[in-house]
Amino acid sequence: MIFLPFEIKSGYENMQKDAELLDNAVNNKLSEPVFRLYGWSPACVSLGRNQKNDFLNGIFLKENNIDVVRRLTGGRALLHDNEITYSYICPVSSLKHGENVTESYKEISQFLIENLKKIGIELEFGGKPARGHFDYCMLVSTGADLCFKGKKLIGSAQFRKDGYILQHGSILYDYNRELLEKIFNETLDSSSITCIKDINPQISREDIINLFVTKY
């Protein structure tokens, strides 16, 4: 595995970097996966590839120095703030069930499950099914999401190009409930989501990052 260490960039730079890594894998026919960790500065809302942006309050976001960027991947919007984001790029052929979207999510996510288990965070797939429409990704659980005791902790999304998969996702370290509700104009149901700080406040962001850094 090619490991790229944690770095903090703007939303535009982060999405550009993921796109460049995917193109590089395609163009050079990389056989081994690429794993990257990153943060965001300033805070940024990322929109899914085909998601409408009519729910966003541009004035509020500007006043609070929050950027907006569109991802290559699908899914719904995320606020990237107090979190650790990962991206994983690999050939479809490197997975046992790479052609199956749901199964490929699960195969790639095993890497996250195995590492977080080392610090006592036991993750499982799926969570409470969503009722109604939500713009905020963390309020929607699918069979490919990673949850702790039924609450969503990691939301991921995929994009495929020329036989390669880009999967990236948000590992929620902490969240500002009031800010999220203002951005997404939705009530945040704390029974459906969780974060590292809620699970174990003794675990730092650096602890999460080092889980992966020390592996390679």
N, C-alpha and C. Protein backbone atom coordinates (compact mmCIF):
# COMPACT_ATOMS: atom_id res chain seq x y z
N MET A 1 0.83 -1.20 0.00
CA MET A 1 0.00 0.00 0.00
C MET A 1 0.87 1.25 0.00
N ILE A 2 0.48 2.24 -0.79
CA ILE A 2 1.14 3.54 -0.79
C ILE A 2 0.41 4.43 0.21
N PHE A 3 1.11 4.83 1.27
CA PHE A 3 0.48 5.66 2.30
C PHE A 3 0.92 7.10 2.16
N LEU A 4 -0.03 8.02 2.12
CA LEU A 4 0.27 9.45 2.07
C LEU A 4 -0.10 10.06 3.42
N PRO A 5 0.85 10.65 4.11
CA PRO A 5 0.61 11.14 5.46
C PRO A 5 -0.40 12.27 5.53
N PHE A 6 -0.94 12.45 6.73
CA PHE A 6 -1.95 13.45 7.00
C PHE A 6 -1.48 14.85 6.62
N GLU A 7 -2.34 15.59 5.96
CA GLU A 7 -2.06 16.98 5.61
C GLU A 7 -3.36 17.76 5.62
N ILE A 8 -3.25 19.05 5.84
CA ILE A 8 -4.42 19.93 5.88
C ILE A 8 -4.39 20.85 4.67
N LYS A 9 -5.49 20.87 3.92
CA LYS A 9 -5.60 21.70 2.74
C LYS A 9 -7.00 22.31 2.67
N SER A 10 -7.20 23.22 1.74
CA SER A 10 -8.54 23.78 1.51
C SER A 10 -9.43 22.72 0.84
N GLY A 11 -10.71 22.96 0.83
CA GLY A 11 -11.63 22.02 0.20
C GLY A 11 -11.31 21.79 -1.27
N TYR A 12 -11.06 22.86 -2.00
CA TYR A 12 -10.73 22.73 -3.43
C TYR A 12 -9.46 21.91 -3.61
N GLU A 13 -8.43 22.20 -2.79
CA GLU A 13 -7.16 21.49 -2.90
C GLU A 13 -7.31 20.00 -2.56
N ASN A 14 -8.12 19.71 -1.56
CA ASN A 14 -8.33 18.31 -1.18
C ASN A 14 -9.02 17.51 -2.28
N MET A 15 -10.05 18.09 -2.87
CA MET A 15 -10.76 17.38 -3.93
C MET A 15 -9.90 17.27 -5.18
N GLN A 16 -9.11 18.29 -5.46
CA GLN A 16 -8.20 18.25 -6.60
C GLN A 16 -7.14 17.16 -6.39
N LYS A 17 -6.64 17.05 -5.16
CA LYS A 17 -5.62 16.05 -4.84
C LYS A 17 -6.17 14.64 -5.04
N ASP A 18 -7.39 14.38 -4.55
CA ASP A 18 -7.99 13.06 -4.74
C ASP A 18 -8.17 12.74 -6.22
N ALA A 19 -8.62 13.74 -6.99
CA ALA A 19 -8.81 13.53 -8.43
C ALA A 19 -7.47 13.24 -9.12
N GLU A 20 -6.43 13.95 -8.71
CA GLU A 20 -5.10 13.74 -9.31
C GLU A 20 -4.56 12.35 -8.95
N LEU A 21 -4.78 11.91 -7.72
CA LEU A 21 -4.32 10.59 -7.31
C LEU A 21 -5.03 9.50 -8.10
N LEU A 22 -6.33 9.69 -8.33
CA LEU A 22 -7.08 8.72 -9.12
C LEU A 22 -6.57 8.69 -10.55
N ASP A 23 -6.36 9.86 -11.15
CA ASP A 23 -5.85 9.91 -12.53
C ASP A 23 -4.47 9.28 -12.63
N ASN A 24 -3.65 9.52 -11.62
CA ASN A 24 -2.30 8.95 -11.62
C ASN A 24 -2.36 7.42 -11.56
N ALA A 25 -3.28 6.90 -10.74
CA ALA A 25 -3.43 5.45 -10.64
C ALA A 25 -3.87 4.86 -11.98
N VAL A 26 -4.81 5.53 -12.63
CA VAL A 26 -5.32 5.06 -13.93
C VAL A 26 -4.21 5.12 -14.98
N ASN A 27 -3.56 6.26 -15.06
CA ASN A 27 -2.56 6.47 -16.12
C ASN A 27 -1.34 5.56 -15.96
N ASN A 28 -0.99 5.26 -14.71
CA ASN A 28 0.20 4.43 -14.46
C ASN A 28 -0.15 2.98 -14.14
N LYS A 29 -1.45 2.67 -14.24
CA LYS A 29 -1.92 1.30 -14.00
C LYS A 29 -1.38 0.74 -12.67
N LEU A 30 -1.54 1.54 -11.61
CA LEU A 30 -1.06 1.12 -10.29
C LEU A 30 -1.77 -0.15 -9.84
N SER A 31 -1.01 -1.06 -9.29
CA SER A 31 -1.60 -2.32 -8.82
C SER A 31 -1.85 -2.32 -7.33
N GLU A 32 -1.15 -1.44 -6.59
CA GLU A 32 -1.35 -1.40 -5.14
C GLU A 32 -2.21 -0.20 -4.77
N PRO A 33 -2.97 -0.32 -3.67
CA PRO A 33 -3.85 0.78 -3.27
C PRO A 33 -3.09 1.98 -2.73
N VAL A 34 -3.72 3.13 -2.80
CA VAL A 34 -3.20 4.38 -2.25
C VAL A 34 -4.13 4.81 -1.13
N PHE A 35 -3.56 5.10 0.03
CA PHE A 35 -4.36 5.54 1.18
C PHE A 35 -3.85 6.89 1.64
N ARG A 36 -4.78 7.82 1.79
CA ARG A 36 -4.43 9.18 2.17
C ARG A 36 -5.30 9.66 3.33
N LEU A 37 -4.72 10.42 4.26
CA LEU A 37 -5.46 11.06 5.35
C LEU A 37 -5.33 12.57 5.21
N TYR A 38 -6.42 13.29 5.49
CA TYR A 38 -6.32 14.75 5.37
C TYR A 38 -7.36 15.48 6.21
N GLY A 39 -7.08 16.76 6.42
CA GLY A 39 -7.99 17.66 7.12
C GLY A 39 -8.31 18.84 6.23
N TRP A 40 -9.17 19.73 6.72
CA TRP A 40 -9.69 20.84 5.92
C TRP A 40 -9.50 22.17 6.64
N SER A 41 -9.02 23.16 5.93
CA SER A 41 -8.94 24.52 6.46
C SER A 41 -9.06 25.52 5.32
N PRO A 42 -10.06 26.40 5.38
CA PRO A 42 -11.08 26.50 6.43
C PRO A 42 -12.09 25.34 6.35
N ALA A 43 -13.03 25.34 7.31
CA ALA A 43 -14.11 24.34 7.27
C ALA A 43 -14.80 24.43 5.92
N CYS A 44 -15.36 23.31 5.47
CA CYS A 44 -15.89 23.26 4.11
C CYS A 44 -17.08 22.31 4.02
N VAL A 45 -18.10 22.71 3.29
CA VAL A 45 -19.20 21.81 2.95
C VAL A 45 -18.87 21.19 1.60
N SER A 46 -18.86 19.87 1.54
CA SER A 46 -18.69 19.20 0.24
C SER A 46 -20.04 18.64 -0.20
N LEU A 47 -20.36 18.90 -1.45
CA LEU A 47 -21.62 18.43 -2.03
C LEU A 47 -21.37 17.19 -2.86
N GLY A 48 -22.31 16.27 -2.85
CA GLY A 48 -22.22 15.10 -3.70
C GLY A 48 -22.23 15.49 -5.16
N ARG A 49 -21.70 14.63 -5.99
CA ARG A 49 -21.51 14.91 -7.42
C ARG A 49 -22.76 15.47 -8.10
N ASN A 50 -23.92 14.93 -7.77
CA ASN A 50 -25.16 15.36 -8.44
C ASN A 50 -26.15 16.03 -7.48
N GLN A 51 -25.68 16.41 -6.31
CA GLN A 51 -26.56 16.98 -5.30
C GLN A 51 -26.86 18.46 -5.58
N LYS A 52 -28.10 18.86 -5.41
CA LYS A 52 -28.46 20.27 -5.55
C LYS A 52 -27.90 21.05 -4.37
N ASN A 53 -27.68 22.34 -4.57
CA ASN A 53 -27.14 23.17 -3.50
C ASN A 53 -28.14 24.21 -3.01
N ASP A 54 -29.42 24.02 -3.36
CA ASP A 54 -30.42 25.04 -3.04
C ASP A 54 -30.73 25.15 -1.54
N PHE A 55 -30.28 24.20 -0.74
CA PHE A 55 -30.54 24.24 0.69
C PHE A 55 -29.50 25.08 1.44
N LEU A 56 -28.41 25.46 0.76
CA LEU A 56 -27.33 26.19 1.41
C LEU A 56 -27.64 27.68 1.54
N ASN A 57 -27.24 28.25 2.67
CA ASN A 57 -27.36 29.69 2.92
C ASN A 57 -25.97 30.29 2.69
N GLY A 58 -25.76 30.78 1.48
CA GLY A 58 -24.45 31.28 1.09
C GLY A 58 -23.95 32.41 1.99
N ILE A 59 -24.85 33.28 2.42
CA ILE A 59 -24.45 34.40 3.28
C ILE A 59 -23.96 33.89 4.62
N PHE A 60 -24.69 32.94 5.20
CA PHE A 60 -24.29 32.36 6.49
C PHE A 60 -22.92 31.69 6.37
N LEU A 61 -22.72 30.92 5.30
CA LEU A 61 -21.45 30.23 5.12
C LEU A 61 -20.29 31.21 4.98
N LYS A 62 -20.52 32.28 4.23
CA LYS A 62 -19.47 33.28 4.05
C LYS A 62 -19.14 33.98 5.35
N GLU A 63 -20.18 34.32 6.11
CA GLU A 63 -19.97 34.99 7.40
C GLU A 63 -19.19 34.13 8.38
N ASN A 64 -19.31 32.80 8.24
CA ASN A 64 -18.64 31.87 9.14
C ASN A 64 -17.40 31.24 8.53
N ASN A 65 -16.94 31.81 7.42
CA ASN A 65 -15.71 31.36 6.74
C ASN A 65 -15.75 29.87 6.43
N ILE A 66 -16.87 29.43 5.86
CA ILE A 66 -17.04 28.02 5.47
C ILE A 66 -17.10 27.94 3.95
N ASP A 67 -16.18 27.20 3.37
CA ASP A 67 -16.13 27.03 1.92
C ASP A 67 -17.17 26.02 1.45
N VAL A 68 -17.37 25.96 0.14
CA VAL A 68 -18.23 24.95 -0.47
C VAL A 68 -17.49 24.38 -1.67
N VAL A 69 -17.51 23.05 -1.79
CA VAL A 69 -16.84 22.39 -2.91
C VAL A 69 -17.69 21.21 -3.34
N ARG A 70 -17.54 20.81 -4.59
CA ARG A 70 -18.28 19.64 -5.07
C ARG A 70 -17.32 18.47 -5.22
N ARG A 71 -17.76 17.28 -4.77
CA ARG A 71 -16.92 16.09 -4.83
C ARG A 71 -17.09 15.36 -6.16
N LEU A 72 -16.10 14.53 -6.49
CA LEU A 72 -16.26 13.60 -7.60
C LEU A 72 -17.31 12.55 -7.25
N THR A 73 -17.35 12.17 -5.99
CA THR A 73 -18.22 11.09 -5.53
C THR A 73 -19.64 11.55 -5.33
N GLY A 74 -20.54 10.59 -5.27
CA GLY A 74 -21.95 10.89 -5.05
C GLY A 74 -22.27 11.06 -3.58
N GLY A 75 -23.55 10.90 -3.26
CA GLY A 75 -23.97 11.04 -1.86
C GLY A 75 -24.44 12.44 -1.54
N ARG A 76 -24.58 12.68 -0.24
CA ARG A 76 -25.11 13.96 0.23
C ARG A 76 -24.03 14.78 0.90
N ALA A 77 -24.39 15.99 1.27
CA ALA A 77 -23.41 16.96 1.75
C ALA A 77 -22.85 16.61 3.12
N LEU A 78 -21.61 17.03 3.32
CA LEU A 78 -20.93 16.89 4.61
C LEU A 78 -20.31 18.22 5.00
N LEU A 79 -20.25 18.49 6.30
CA LEU A 79 -19.45 19.60 6.80
C LEU A 79 -18.12 19.00 7.25
N HIS A 80 -17.05 19.42 6.61
CA HIS A 80 -15.72 18.93 6.96
C HIS A 80 -15.08 19.97 7.88
N ASP A 81 -15.04 19.61 9.15
CA ASP A 81 -14.55 20.55 10.14
C ASP A 81 -13.70 19.79 11.16
N ASN A 82 -14.32 19.30 12.21
CA ASN A 82 -13.58 18.58 13.24
C ASN A 82 -13.63 17.08 12.96
N GLU A 83 -12.87 16.65 11.99
CA GLU A 83 -12.92 15.27 11.52
C GLU A 83 -11.57 14.89 10.92
N ILE A 84 -11.45 13.63 10.56
CA ILE A 84 -10.32 13.14 9.76
C ILE A 84 -10.92 12.51 8.51
N THR A 85 -10.46 12.94 7.36
CA THR A 85 -10.96 12.39 6.11
C THR A 85 -9.94 11.42 5.53
N TYR A 86 -10.43 10.35 4.93
CA TYR A 86 -9.54 9.40 4.27
C TYR A 86 -9.93 9.27 2.81
N SER A 87 -8.97 8.89 1.99
CA SER A 87 -9.29 8.47 0.62
C SER A 87 -8.51 7.20 0.33
N TYR A 88 -9.13 6.33 -0.45
CA TYR A 88 -8.55 5.01 -0.76
C TYR A 88 -8.78 4.78 -2.24
N ILE A 89 -7.70 4.54 -2.97
CA ILE A 89 -7.78 4.34 -4.41
C ILE A 89 -7.20 2.98 -4.74
N CYS A 90 -7.92 2.19 -5.51
CA CYS A 90 -7.42 0.85 -5.87
C CYS A 90 -8.05 0.38 -7.17
N PRO A 91 -7.42 -0.61 -7.83
CA PRO A 91 -8.04 -1.20 -9.02
C PRO A 91 -9.28 -2.01 -8.62
N VAL A 92 -10.30 -1.96 -9.43
CA VAL A 92 -11.48 -2.78 -9.19
C VAL A 92 -11.08 -4.25 -9.09
N SER A 93 -10.13 -4.65 -9.91
CA SER A 93 -9.71 -6.05 -9.98
C SER A 93 -8.97 -6.53 -8.73
N SER A 94 -8.54 -5.59 -7.87
CA SER A 94 -7.80 -5.98 -6.66
C SER A 94 -8.73 -6.45 -5.55
N LEU A 95 -10.04 -6.24 -5.73
CA LEU A 95 -11.02 -6.63 -4.72
C LEU A 95 -11.73 -7.91 -5.15
N LYS A 96 -12.14 -8.71 -4.19
CA LYS A 96 -12.84 -9.96 -4.50
C LYS A 96 -14.17 -9.69 -5.20
N HIS A 97 -14.84 -8.60 -4.77
CA HIS A 97 -16.15 -8.27 -5.34
C HIS A 97 -16.16 -6.81 -5.81
N GLY A 98 -15.10 -6.44 -6.53
CA GLY A 98 -14.93 -5.05 -6.93
C GLY A 98 -16.03 -4.51 -7.83
N GLU A 99 -16.66 -5.38 -8.62
CA GLU A 99 -17.71 -4.91 -9.53
C GLU A 99 -19.01 -4.58 -8.79
N ASN A 100 -19.16 -5.13 -7.59
CA ASN A 100 -20.36 -4.88 -6.78
C ASN A 100 -20.10 -3.69 -5.88
N VAL A 101 -20.88 -2.63 -6.04
CA VAL A 101 -20.61 -1.39 -5.30
C VAL A 101 -20.68 -1.59 -3.79
N THR A 102 -21.76 -2.18 -3.31
CA THR A 102 -21.91 -2.36 -1.86
C THR A 102 -20.81 -3.24 -1.28
N GLU A 103 -20.52 -4.34 -1.97
CA GLU A 103 -19.49 -5.26 -1.46
C GLU A 103 -18.11 -4.62 -1.51
N SER A 104 -17.85 -3.78 -2.51
CA SER A 104 -16.54 -3.13 -2.58
C SER A 104 -16.38 -2.12 -1.45
N TYR A 105 -17.47 -1.43 -1.10
CA TYR A 105 -17.43 -0.54 0.07
C TYR A 105 -16.98 -1.33 1.30
N LYS A 106 -17.58 -2.49 1.48
CA LYS A 106 -17.31 -3.29 2.67
C LYS A 106 -15.87 -3.81 2.68
N GLU A 107 -15.38 -4.21 1.51
CA GLU A 107 -14.00 -4.71 1.44
C GLU A 107 -13.00 -3.60 1.79
N ILE A 108 -13.19 -2.44 1.20
CA ILE A 108 -12.28 -1.32 1.48
C ILE A 108 -12.39 -0.88 2.93
N SER A 109 -13.61 -0.87 3.46
CA SER A 109 -13.84 -0.40 4.83
C SER A 109 -13.25 -1.32 5.89
N GLN A 110 -12.91 -2.55 5.52
CA GLN A 110 -12.28 -3.45 6.49
C GLN A 110 -10.98 -2.85 7.02
N PHE A 111 -10.31 -2.07 6.18
CA PHE A 111 -9.07 -1.42 6.59
C PHE A 111 -9.34 -0.47 7.76
N LEU A 112 -10.45 0.24 7.70
CA LEU A 112 -10.83 1.17 8.77
C LEU A 112 -11.26 0.39 10.02
N ILE A 113 -12.04 -0.64 9.82
CA ILE A 113 -12.54 -1.45 10.93
C ILE A 113 -11.38 -2.05 11.72
N GLU A 114 -10.44 -2.64 11.03
CA GLU A 114 -9.32 -3.31 11.69
C GLU A 114 -8.48 -2.35 12.51
N ASN A 115 -8.25 -1.14 11.99
CA ASN A 115 -7.41 -0.18 12.71
C ASN A 115 -8.12 0.45 13.89
N LEU A 116 -9.38 0.81 13.74
CA LEU A 116 -10.10 1.43 14.86
C LEU A 116 -10.38 0.43 15.97
N LYS A 117 -10.42 -0.84 15.63
CA LYS A 117 -10.62 -1.88 16.64
C LYS A 117 -9.47 -1.90 17.64
N LYS A 118 -8.29 -1.48 17.21
CA LYS A 118 -7.11 -1.48 18.07
C LYS A 118 -7.25 -0.54 19.26
N ILE A 119 -8.12 0.45 19.14
CA ILE A 119 -8.32 1.38 20.26
C ILE A 119 -9.72 1.22 20.86
N GLY A 120 -10.29 0.04 20.66
CA GLY A 120 -11.55 -0.28 21.31
C GLY A 120 -12.81 0.21 20.63
N ILE A 121 -12.69 0.66 19.39
CA ILE A 121 -13.87 1.12 18.66
C ILE A 121 -14.29 0.02 17.69
N GLU A 122 -15.32 -0.72 18.06
CA GLU A 122 -15.80 -1.85 17.27
C GLU A 122 -16.89 -1.34 16.32
N LEU A 123 -16.62 -1.40 15.04
CA LEU A 123 -17.55 -0.85 14.05
C LEU A 123 -18.31 -1.96 13.34
N GLU A 124 -19.48 -1.60 12.85
CA GLU A 124 -20.32 -2.53 12.10
C GLU A 124 -20.94 -1.77 10.93
N PHE A 125 -21.43 -2.52 9.96
CA PHE A 125 -22.03 -1.88 8.79
C PHE A 125 -23.50 -1.57 9.02
N GLY A 126 -23.92 -0.43 8.43
CA GLY A 126 -25.34 -0.08 8.48
C GLY A 126 -25.72 0.59 9.77
N GLY A 127 -26.91 1.10 9.80
CA GLY A 127 -27.43 1.78 10.98
C GLY A 127 -28.92 1.92 10.86
N LYS A 128 -29.47 2.88 11.58
CA LYS A 128 -30.92 3.11 11.51
C LYS A 128 -31.28 3.64 10.12
N PRO A 129 -32.25 3.03 9.44
CA PRO A 129 -32.65 3.53 8.12
C PRO A 129 -33.26 4.92 8.22
N ALA A 130 -32.95 5.75 7.23
CA ALA A 130 -33.46 7.12 7.24
C ALA A 130 -34.93 7.16 6.84
N ARG A 131 -35.65 8.09 7.43
CA ARG A 131 -37.04 8.33 7.06
C ARG A 131 -37.15 9.78 6.59
N GLY A 132 -37.60 9.94 5.36
CA GLY A 132 -37.70 11.28 4.80
C GLY A 132 -36.41 11.67 4.10
N HIS A 133 -36.38 12.92 3.64
CA HIS A 133 -35.22 13.40 2.88
C HIS A 133 -34.31 14.23 3.79
N PHE A 134 -32.99 13.97 3.70
CA PHE A 134 -32.01 14.75 4.44
C PHE A 134 -30.90 15.16 3.49
N ASP A 135 -30.42 16.40 3.66
CA ASP A 135 -29.30 16.87 2.86
C ASP A 135 -27.97 16.53 3.51
N TYR A 136 -27.95 16.35 4.84
CA TYR A 136 -26.73 16.06 5.57
C TYR A 136 -26.46 14.56 5.56
N CYS A 137 -25.31 14.19 5.02
CA CYS A 137 -24.97 12.78 4.80
C CYS A 137 -25.03 11.94 6.08
N MET A 138 -24.58 12.49 7.21
CA MET A 138 -24.47 11.69 8.42
C MET A 138 -25.83 11.29 8.99
N LEU A 139 -26.90 11.91 8.52
CA LEU A 139 -28.24 11.54 8.98
C LEU A 139 -28.83 10.39 8.17
N VAL A 140 -28.10 9.94 7.16
CA VAL A 140 -28.58 8.86 6.30
C VAL A 140 -27.63 7.68 6.42
N SER A 141 -28.16 6.52 6.79
CA SER A 141 -27.32 5.33 6.91
C SER A 141 -27.67 4.30 5.85
N THR A 142 -26.64 3.70 5.27
CA THR A 142 -26.83 2.63 4.30
C THR A 142 -26.06 1.41 4.79
N GLY A 143 -26.19 0.33 4.07
CA GLY A 143 -25.48 -0.89 4.45
C GLY A 143 -23.98 -0.79 4.31
N ALA A 144 -23.49 0.27 3.67
CA ALA A 144 -22.05 0.44 3.47
C ALA A 144 -21.43 1.41 4.47
N ASP A 145 -22.25 2.05 5.31
CA ASP A 145 -21.72 2.99 6.29
C ASP A 145 -21.21 2.26 7.52
N LEU A 146 -20.27 2.89 8.24
CA LEU A 146 -19.71 2.28 9.43
C LEU A 146 -20.29 2.95 10.67
N CYS A 147 -20.81 2.11 11.55
CA CYS A 147 -21.51 2.59 12.74
C CYS A 147 -20.93 2.00 14.01
N PHE A 148 -21.10 2.72 15.09
CA PHE A 148 -20.73 2.25 16.42
C PHE A 148 -21.99 2.13 17.25
N LYS A 149 -22.32 0.91 17.63
CA LYS A 149 -23.54 0.63 18.39
C LYS A 149 -24.78 1.23 17.72
N GLY A 150 -24.84 1.07 16.40
CA GLY A 150 -26.01 1.52 15.64
C GLY A 150 -26.01 2.98 15.25
N LYS A 151 -24.98 3.73 15.65
CA LYS A 151 -24.91 5.15 15.32
C LYS A 151 -23.81 5.38 14.28
N LYS A 152 -24.09 6.16 13.29
CA LYS A 152 -23.16 6.38 12.19
C LYS A 152 -21.95 7.18 12.64
N LEU A 153 -20.76 6.65 12.34
CA LEU A 153 -19.51 7.32 12.67
C LEU A 153 -18.73 7.72 11.42
N ILE A 154 -18.78 6.87 10.38
CA ILE A 154 -18.02 7.13 9.16
C ILE A 154 -18.94 7.02 7.95
N GLY A 155 -19.04 8.11 7.21
CA GLY A 155 -19.80 8.12 5.97
C GLY A 155 -18.84 8.14 4.79
N SER A 156 -19.07 7.30 3.81
CA SER A 156 -18.15 7.18 2.67
C SER A 156 -18.90 7.27 1.35
N ALA A 157 -18.15 7.56 0.29
CA ALA A 157 -18.73 7.65 -1.04
C ALA A 157 -17.69 7.19 -2.06
N GLN A 158 -18.16 6.76 -3.23
CA GLN A 158 -17.27 6.23 -4.26
C GLN A 158 -17.44 6.94 -5.60
N PHE A 159 -16.34 6.87 -6.37
CA PHE A 159 -16.36 7.27 -7.79
C PHE A 159 -15.48 6.27 -8.53
N ARG A 160 -15.91 5.87 -9.70
CA ARG A 160 -15.16 4.88 -10.48
C ARG A 160 -14.73 5.46 -11.83
N LYS A 161 -13.52 5.10 -12.23
CA LYS A 161 -12.99 5.59 -13.51
C LYS A 161 -12.03 4.58 -14.10
N ASP A 162 -12.33 4.11 -15.28
CA ASP A 162 -11.42 3.25 -16.05
C ASP A 162 -10.84 2.10 -15.24
N GLY A 163 -11.71 1.42 -14.51
CA GLY A 163 -11.27 0.24 -13.77
C GLY A 163 -10.67 0.52 -12.40
N TYR A 164 -10.79 1.74 -11.92
CA TYR A 164 -10.27 2.11 -10.60
C TYR A 164 -11.38 2.71 -9.73
N ILE A 165 -11.23 2.55 -8.43
CA ILE A 165 -12.19 3.07 -7.46
C ILE A 165 -11.53 4.14 -6.61
N LEU A 166 -12.18 5.27 -6.46
CA LEU A 166 -11.84 6.25 -5.44
C LEU A 166 -12.93 6.18 -4.38
N GLN A 167 -12.57 5.81 -3.17
CA GLN A 167 -13.51 5.86 -2.05
C GLN A 167 -12.94 6.80 -1.01
N HIS A 168 -13.72 7.80 -0.62
CA HIS A 168 -13.27 8.65 0.46
C HIS A 168 -14.41 8.87 1.44
N GLY A 169 -14.03 9.23 2.67
CA GLY A 169 -15.06 9.35 3.69
C GLY A 169 -14.60 10.14 4.90
N SER A 170 -15.56 10.47 5.72
CA SER A 170 -15.36 11.32 6.89
C SER A 170 -15.43 10.50 8.17
N ILE A 171 -14.35 10.54 8.96
CA ILE A 171 -14.35 9.94 10.30
C ILE A 171 -14.64 11.08 11.27
N LEU A 172 -15.83 11.10 11.81
CA LEU A 172 -16.28 12.24 12.62
C LEU A 172 -15.61 12.21 13.99
N TYR A 173 -14.79 13.21 14.26
CA TYR A 173 -14.14 13.29 15.57
C TYR A 173 -15.04 14.02 16.58
N ASP A 174 -15.62 15.12 16.17
CA ASP A 174 -16.54 15.88 17.01
C ASP A 174 -17.44 16.69 16.09
N TYR A 175 -18.51 17.24 16.61
CA TYR A 175 -19.38 18.06 15.78
C TYR A 175 -20.06 19.14 16.60
N ASN A 176 -20.39 20.21 15.91
CA ASN A 176 -21.10 21.35 16.49
C ASN A 176 -22.55 21.26 16.05
N ARG A 177 -23.39 20.77 16.93
CA ARG A 177 -24.79 20.51 16.57
C ARG A 177 -25.50 21.77 16.06
N GLU A 178 -25.31 22.87 16.76
CA GLU A 178 -25.99 24.11 16.37
C GLU A 178 -25.56 24.55 14.98
N LEU A 179 -24.26 24.46 14.71
CA LEU A 179 -23.76 24.87 13.39
C LEU A 179 -24.32 23.98 12.30
N LEU A 180 -24.34 22.68 12.52
CA LEU A 180 -24.87 21.75 11.52
C LEU A 180 -26.34 22.03 11.23
N GLU A 181 -27.11 22.29 12.26
CA GLU A 181 -28.54 22.55 12.06
C GLU A 181 -28.77 23.84 11.28
N LYS A 182 -27.91 24.82 11.49
CA LYS A 182 -28.05 26.08 10.75
C LYS A 182 -27.66 25.90 9.28
N ILE A 183 -26.61 25.13 9.04
CA ILE A 183 -26.15 24.93 7.66
C ILE A 183 -27.16 24.11 6.86
N PHE A 184 -27.64 23.01 7.46
CA PHE A 184 -28.48 22.07 6.72
C PHE A 184 -29.97 22.27 6.95
N ASN A 185 -30.31 23.17 7.87
CA ASN A 185 -31.71 23.46 8.15
C ASN A 185 -32.48 22.18 8.48
N GLU A 186 -31.83 21.32 9.27
CA GLU A 186 -32.40 20.04 9.67
C GLU A 186 -32.13 19.80 11.15
N THR A 187 -33.04 19.12 11.81
CA THR A 187 -32.81 18.76 13.20
C THR A 187 -31.84 17.60 13.27
N LEU A 188 -30.81 17.77 14.07
CA LEU A 188 -29.79 16.73 14.18
C LEU A 188 -30.23 15.70 15.22
N ASP A 189 -30.50 14.50 14.75
CA ASP A 189 -30.95 13.42 15.62
C ASP A 189 -29.72 12.73 16.21
N SER A 190 -29.43 13.03 17.47
CA SER A 190 -28.22 12.49 18.10
C SER A 190 -28.30 10.99 18.33
N SER A 191 -29.48 10.41 18.13
CA SER A 191 -29.60 8.96 18.29
C SER A 191 -29.13 8.21 17.04
N SER A 192 -28.86 8.95 15.96
CA SER A 192 -28.47 8.31 14.70
C SER A 192 -27.01 8.50 14.34
N ILE A 193 -26.32 9.44 15.01
CA ILE A 193 -24.91 9.68 14.70
C ILE A 193 -24.09 9.70 15.99
N THR A 194 -22.79 9.47 15.83
CA THR A 194 -21.88 9.57 16.96
C THR A 194 -20.55 10.11 16.46
N CYS A 195 -19.60 10.32 17.36
CA CYS A 195 -18.28 10.81 17.00
C CYS A 195 -17.27 10.20 17.96
N ILE A 196 -16.01 10.30 17.59
CA ILE A 196 -14.95 9.73 18.41
C ILE A 196 -14.98 10.31 19.82
N LYS A 197 -15.20 11.59 19.93
CA LYS A 197 -15.18 12.25 21.24
C LYS A 197 -16.30 11.74 22.14
N ASP A 198 -17.45 11.40 21.56
CA ASP A 198 -18.54 10.82 22.34
C ASP A 198 -18.21 9.39 22.77
N ILE A 199 -17.58 8.65 21.89
CA ILE A 199 -17.25 7.25 22.18
C ILE A 199 -16.20 7.15 23.29
N ASN A 200 -15.15 7.97 23.16
CA ASN A 200 -14.07 7.97 24.16
C ASN A 200 -13.35 9.31 24.10
N PRO A 201 -13.66 10.24 25.00
CA PRO A 201 -13.04 11.57 24.96
C PRO A 201 -11.54 11.55 25.20
N GLN A 202 -10.98 10.42 25.64
CA GLN A 202 -9.54 10.32 25.87
C GLN A 202 -8.77 10.11 24.56
N ILE A 203 -9.49 9.75 23.49
CA ILE A 203 -8.85 9.53 22.20
C ILE A 203 -8.74 10.87 21.46
N SER A 204 -7.53 11.21 21.06
CA SER A 204 -7.31 12.47 20.35
C SER A 204 -7.36 12.26 18.84
N ARG A 205 -7.44 13.35 18.11
CA ARG A 205 -7.37 13.28 16.64
C ARG A 205 -6.04 12.66 16.22
N GLU A 206 -4.98 13.01 16.93
CA GLU A 206 -3.66 12.47 16.60
C GLU A 206 -3.62 10.96 16.81
N ASP A 207 -4.34 10.49 17.82
CA ASP A 207 -4.39 9.04 18.05
C ASP A 207 -4.99 8.32 16.85
N ILE A 208 -6.05 8.91 16.29
CA ILE A 208 -6.70 8.31 15.12
C ILE A 208 -5.74 8.31 13.93
N ILE A 209 -5.11 9.44 13.70
CA ILE A 209 -4.18 9.57 12.58
C ILE A 209 -3.03 8.57 12.72
N ASN A 210 -2.49 8.45 13.93
CA ASN A 210 -1.34 7.57 14.16
C ASN A 210 -1.68 6.10 14.01
N LEU A 211 -2.93 5.76 14.15
CA LEU A 211 -3.33 4.36 13.93
C LEU A 211 -2.92 3.91 12.53
N PHE A 212 -3.07 4.81 11.58
CA PHE A 212 -2.78 4.50 10.20
C PHE A 212 -1.33 4.81 9.83
N VAL A 213 -0.78 5.87 10.41
CA VAL A 213 0.59 6.26 10.12
C VAL A 213 1.56 5.17 10.51
N THR A 214 1.35 4.58 11.67
CA THR A 214 2.31 3.60 12.18
C THR A 214 2.20 2.24 11.49
N LYS A 215 1.19 2.09 10.64
CA LYS A 215 0.99 0.79 9.99
C LYS A 215 1.94 0.63 8.81
N TYR A 216 2.40 1.73 8.22
CA TYR A 216 3.22 1.62 7.01
C TYR A 216 4.48 2.46 7.14
